[in-house]
Amino acid sequence: MDKMYRTERAALCNSALEAGEDAPTLCGMWTVKDLVIHLLVRERDPLAAPGILIPQLEKLASRSARRSGASAWPSSRSSASPT
């Protein structure tokens, strides 16, 4: 299972980098960068993740998204917040 997880993660990262951070996605108005930040918040910040769905906790998700956005791309110019 661990090997499949790593293979899928690498494929997702490669696809995101190939598409570029400003490329559109099938998630409404979100760019690839917005989607990657959303996934990072859900995975890396268990306290902020509920803020994606619970309005009272939105500030936690937004703060985590800004932090993730600053480091999500090798040469990030600005932080985008998908939340």
C-alpha atoms as a PDB file:
ATOM      1  CA  MET A   1       0.000   0.000   0.000  1.00  0.00           C
ATOM      2  CA  ASP A   2       2.800   2.405   0.856  1.00  0.00           C
ATOM      3  CA  LYS A   3       4.368   1.982  -2.590  1.00  0.00           C
ATOM      4  CA  MET A   4       1.066   2.711  -4.357  1.00  0.00           C
ATOM      5  CA  TYR A   5       0.597   5.804  -2.171  1.00  0.00           C
ATOM      6  CA  ARG A   6       4.026   7.103  -3.121  1.00  0.00           C
ATOM      7  CA  THR A   7       3.524   6.335  -6.810  1.00  0.00           C
ATOM      8  CA  GLU A   8       0.155   8.106  -6.901  1.00  0.00           C
ATOM      9  CA  ARG A   9       1.527  11.074  -4.955  1.00  0.00           C
ATOM     10  CA  ALA A  10       4.472  11.420  -7.339  1.00  0.00           C
ATOM     11  CA  ALA A  11       2.164  11.233 -10.366  1.00  0.00           C
ATOM     12  CA  LEU A  12      -0.107  13.924  -8.912  1.00  0.00           C
ATOM     13  CA  CYS A  13       2.850  16.194  -8.147  1.00  0.00           C
ATOM     14  CA  ASN A  14       4.305  15.694 -11.620  1.00  0.00           C
ATOM     15  CA  SER A  15       0.955  16.425 -13.266  1.00  0.00           C
ATOM     16  CA  ALA A  16       0.528  19.602 -11.209  1.00  0.00           C
ATOM     17  CA  LEU A  17       4.011  20.815 -12.079  1.00  0.00           C
ATOM     18  CA  GLU A  18       3.553  20.010 -15.771  1.00  0.00           C
ATOM     19  CA  ALA A  19       0.213  21.816 -15.921  1.00  0.00           C
ATOM     20  CA  GLY A  20       1.546  24.846 -14.047  1.00  0.00           C
ATOM     21  CA  GLU A  21       0.134  26.632 -11.034  1.00  0.00           C
ATOM     22  CA  ASP A  22      -2.220  28.871 -13.030  1.00  0.00           C
ATOM     23  CA  ALA A  23      -3.769  26.088 -15.133  1.00  0.00           C
ATOM     24  CA  PRO A  24      -7.536  25.592 -14.755  1.00  0.00           C
ATOM     25  CA  THR A  25      -9.021  22.502 -13.111  1.00  0.00           C
ATOM     26  CA  LEU A  26     -12.408  20.812 -13.158  1.00  0.00           C
ATOM     27  CA  CYS A  27     -13.051  22.266  -9.665  1.00  0.00           C
ATOM     28  CA  GLY A  28     -14.954  25.397 -10.602  1.00  0.00           C
ATOM     29  CA  MET A  29     -12.737  28.460 -10.691  1.00  0.00           C
ATOM     30  CA  TRP A  30      -9.830  26.810  -8.881  1.00  0.00           C
ATOM     31  CA  THR A  31      -6.400  26.724 -10.454  1.00  0.00           C
ATOM     32  CA  VAL A  32      -3.966  23.838 -10.065  1.00  0.00           C
ATOM     33  CA  LYS A  33      -2.271  25.782  -7.271  1.00  0.00           C
ATOM     34  CA  ASP A  34      -5.604  26.218  -5.433  1.00  0.00           C
ATOM     35  CA  LEU A  35      -6.246  22.482  -5.665  1.00  0.00           C
ATOM     36  CA  VAL A  36      -2.763  21.553  -4.436  1.00  0.00           C
ATOM     37  CA  ILE A  37      -3.094  23.953  -1.486  1.00  0.00           C
ATOM     38  CA  HIS A  38      -6.490  22.454  -0.635  1.00  0.00           C
ATOM     39  CA  LEU A  39      -5.005  18.948  -0.607  1.00  0.00           C
ATOM     40  CA  LEU A  40      -2.052  20.072   1.515  1.00  0.00           C
ATOM     41  CA  VAL A  41      -4.320  21.707   4.091  1.00  0.00           C
ATOM     42  CA  ARG A  42      -6.487  18.581   4.318  1.00  0.00           C
ATOM     43  CA  GLU A  43      -3.470  16.334   4.727  1.00  0.00           C
ATOM     44  CA  ARG A  44      -1.035  18.355   6.809  1.00  0.00           C
ATOM     45  CA  ASP A  45      -3.174  20.443   9.139  1.00  0.00           C
ATOM     46  CA  PRO A  46      -5.845  18.387  10.933  1.00  0.00           C
ATOM     47  CA  LEU A  47      -6.959  21.412  12.963  1.00  0.00           C
ATOM     48  CA  ALA A  48      -7.526  23.551   9.871  1.00  0.00           C
ATOM     49  CA  ALA A  49      -9.072  20.887   7.652  1.00  0.00           C
ATOM     50  CA  PRO A  50     -12.565  21.164   9.228  1.00  0.00           C
ATOM     51  CA  GLY A  51     -12.515  24.863   8.329  1.00  0.00           C
ATOM     52  CA  ILE A  52     -12.944  23.854   4.714  1.00  0.00           C
ATOM     53  CA  LEU A  53     -16.541  22.859   5.527  1.00  0.00           C
ATOM     54  CA  ILE A  54     -17.352  24.557   8.843  1.00  0.00           C
ATOM     55  CA  PRO A  55     -17.742  28.343   8.468  1.00  0.00           C
ATOM     56  CA  GLN A  56     -16.811  29.047  12.104  1.00  0.00           C
ATOM     57  CA  LEU A  57     -13.389  27.457  11.537  1.00  0.00           C
ATOM     58  CA  GLU A  58     -12.712  29.069   8.164  1.00  0.00           C
ATOM     59  CA  LYS A  59      -9.962  31.321   9.558  1.00  0.00           C
ATOM     60  CA  LEU A  60      -7.900  28.252  10.505  1.00  0.00           C
ATOM     61  CA  ALA A  61      -8.210  26.850   6.983  1.00  0.00           C
ATOM     62  CA  SER A  62      -7.393  30.215   5.388  1.00  0.00           C
ATOM     63  CA  ARG A  63      -4.283  30.682   7.526  1.00  0.00           C
ATOM     64  CA  SER A  64      -3.096  27.172   6.742  1.00  0.00           C
ATOM     65  CA  ALA A  65      -3.791  27.700   3.034  1.00  0.00           C
ATOM     66  CA  ARG A  66      -1.684  30.876   3.026  1.00  0.00           C
ATOM     67  CA  ARG A  67       1.202  29.022   4.695  1.00  0.00           C
ATOM     68  CA  SER A  68       0.894  26.085   2.291  1.00  0.00           C
ATOM     69  CA  GLY A  69       0.593  28.383  -0.709  1.00  0.00           C
ATOM     70  CA  ALA A  70       3.827  30.105   0.156  1.00  0.00           C
ATOM     71  CA  SER A  71       5.681  26.807  -0.028  1.00  0.00           C
ATOM     72  CA  ALA A  72       3.598  24.737  -2.459  1.00  0.00           C
ATOM     73  CA  TRP A  73       5.502  25.736  -5.594  1.00  0.00           C
ATOM     74  CA  PRO A  74       9.239  25.939  -6.181  1.00  0.00           C
ATOM     75  CA  SER A  75       9.054  29.593  -7.236  1.00  0.00           C
ATOM     76  CA  SER A  76       5.763  30.837  -5.825  1.00  0.00           C
ATOM     77  CA  ARG A  77       5.026  34.490  -6.499  1.00  0.00           C
ATOM     78  CA  SER A  78       2.010  34.917  -4.233  1.00  0.00           C
ATOM     79  CA  SER A  79      -0.307  32.935  -2.004  1.00  0.00           C
ATOM     80  CA  ALA A  80      -3.654  31.842  -3.375  1.00  0.00           C
ATOM     81  CA  SER A  81      -6.367  30.707  -1.051  1.00  0.00           C
ATOM     82  CA  PRO A  82      -8.890  28.188  -2.310  1.00  0.00           C
ATOM     83  CA  THR A  83     -11.005  28.526   0.796  1.00  0.00           C
END
